[in-house]
Amino acid sequence: FGLSRATLYRQFAAQDGVQSYIRNRRLAHALRLLTDAAEGGRPRISSVAYATGFSDEKTFSRAFKRRFGCLPRDAAAERAAAPHHPWASQTLGDWIQQLGH
């Protein structure tokens, strides 16, 4: 990037640091994986945890709950219930899209 480490860290100070920024991006990606409709059905929580760079499911679940206020299995269950309630999937989808901005 052409920046010193100190400068890079100062740039991310408003987002609570580089580590916090990266973790939030990984968790947002995990939320998308858990809530996006997929052909294979509901994804395994451990698969999503490993795919998003977490070393184990327990650490992932704690971080996910701290960030979103619910467990990963609850987010996946919400996706499964969404086809029965079109307003729920639309609201959740809007929220997920806002995370990327």
Protein backbone atom coordinates (compact mmCIF):
# COMPACT_ATOMS: atom_id res chain seq x y z
CA PHE A 1 0.00 0.00 0.00
CA GLY A 2 2.97 2.27 0.28
CA LEU A 3 2.16 3.02 3.94
CA SER A 4 4.07 2.39 7.10
CA ARG A 5 2.46 0.10 9.64
CA ALA A 6 1.82 3.04 11.99
CA THR A 7 0.08 5.01 9.23
CA LEU A 8 -2.06 2.03 8.29
CA TYR A 9 -3.15 1.57 11.90
CA ARG A 10 -3.99 5.29 12.19
CA GLN A 11 -6.17 5.00 9.08
CA PHE A 12 -8.22 2.27 10.79
CA ALA A 13 -8.42 3.94 14.19
CA ALA A 14 -11.99 5.13 13.51
CA GLN A 15 -13.07 1.49 12.91
CA ASP A 16 -11.56 0.34 16.23
CA GLY A 17 -8.37 -0.84 14.56
CA VAL A 18 -7.27 -3.13 11.76
CA GLN A 19 -8.07 -6.33 13.66
CA SER A 20 -11.61 -5.21 14.45
CA TYR A 21 -12.19 -4.12 10.86
CA ILE A 22 -11.02 -7.49 9.50
CA ARG A 23 -13.09 -9.44 12.03
CA ASN A 24 -16.21 -7.43 11.18
CA ARG A 25 -15.69 -8.09 7.46
CA ARG A 26 -15.24 -11.81 8.12
CA LEU A 27 -18.39 -11.90 10.27
CA ALA A 28 -20.39 -10.02 7.64
CA HIS A 29 -19.27 -12.59 5.08
CA ALA A 30 -20.26 -15.39 7.46
CA LEU A 31 -23.71 -13.84 7.86
CA ARG A 32 -24.11 -13.76 4.09
CA LEU A 33 -23.06 -17.41 3.83
CA LEU A 34 -25.54 -18.40 6.53
CA THR A 35 -28.46 -16.42 5.15
CA ASP A 36 -28.05 -16.64 1.37
CA ALA A 37 -30.26 -19.21 -0.28
CA ALA A 38 -28.13 -22.10 -1.46
CA GLU A 39 -28.84 -25.25 -3.39
CA GLY A 40 -27.43 -27.59 -0.75
CA GLY A 41 -29.71 -26.42 2.06
CA ARG A 42 -28.52 -25.00 5.35
CA PRO A 43 -24.73 -24.75 5.62
CA ARG A 44 -22.90 -26.32 8.55
CA ILE A 45 -21.85 -23.74 11.13
CA SER A 46 -18.37 -25.26 11.38
CA SER A 47 -17.92 -25.01 7.60
CA VAL A 48 -18.84 -21.34 7.64
CA ALA A 49 -16.53 -20.74 10.61
CA TYR A 50 -13.54 -22.33 8.84
CA ALA A 51 -14.41 -20.69 5.50
CA THR A 52 -14.32 -17.25 7.12
CA GLY A 53 -10.99 -17.80 8.86
CA PHE A 54 -11.99 -18.82 12.38
CA SER A 55 -10.01 -21.59 14.03
CA ASP A 56 -13.00 -23.28 15.67
CA GLU A 57 -16.77 -23.16 15.88
CA LYS A 58 -16.92 -21.99 19.49
CA THR A 59 -14.77 -18.89 18.86
CA PHE A 60 -16.81 -18.14 15.74
CA SER A 61 -20.15 -18.47 17.58
CA ARG A 62 -19.02 -16.14 20.38
CA ALA A 63 -17.77 -13.49 17.93
CA PHE A 64 -20.93 -13.82 15.81
CA LYS A 65 -23.20 -13.38 18.83
CA ARG A 66 -21.21 -10.37 20.05
CA ARG A 67 -21.47 -8.73 16.61
CA PHE A 68 -25.06 -9.58 15.60
CA GLY A 69 -26.82 -10.43 18.87
CA CYS A 70 -27.79 -13.95 17.83
CA LEU A 71 -26.10 -17.28 17.35
CA PRO A 72 -25.10 -18.43 13.87
CA ARG A 73 -27.65 -21.26 13.99
CA ASP A 74 -30.40 -18.67 14.63
CA ALA A 75 -29.35 -16.66 11.57
CA ALA A 76 -29.38 -19.84 9.47
CA ALA A 77 -32.80 -20.75 10.87
CA GLU A 78 -34.09 -17.28 9.98
CA ARG A 79 -33.09 -17.94 6.38
CA ALA A 80 -34.98 -21.23 6.42
CA ALA A 81 -38.10 -19.47 7.73
CA ALA A 82 -37.83 -16.54 5.30
CA PRO A 83 -39.71 -18.10 2.36
CA HIS A 84 -42.79 -18.33 4.57
CA HIS A 85 -42.53 -14.61 5.44
CA PRO A 86 -41.49 -12.52 2.42
CA TRP A 87 -41.20 -9.36 4.54
CA ALA A 88 -38.62 -11.04 6.81
CA SER A 89 -36.28 -12.01 3.98
CA GLN A 90 -36.57 -8.56 2.47
CA THR A 91 -35.70 -6.87 5.77
CA LEU A 92 -32.84 -9.26 6.47
CA GLY A 93 -31.58 -8.89 2.90
CA ASP A 94 -31.57 -5.11 3.20
CA TRP A 95 -29.64 -5.33 6.45
CA ILE A 96 -27.07 -7.68 4.94
CA GLN A 97 -26.55 -5.35 1.98
CA GLN A 98 -26.00 -2.43 4.35
CA LEU A 99 -23.21 -4.37 6.04
CA GLY A 100 -21.17 -4.31 2.85
CA HIS A 101 -21.18 -0.52 2.68
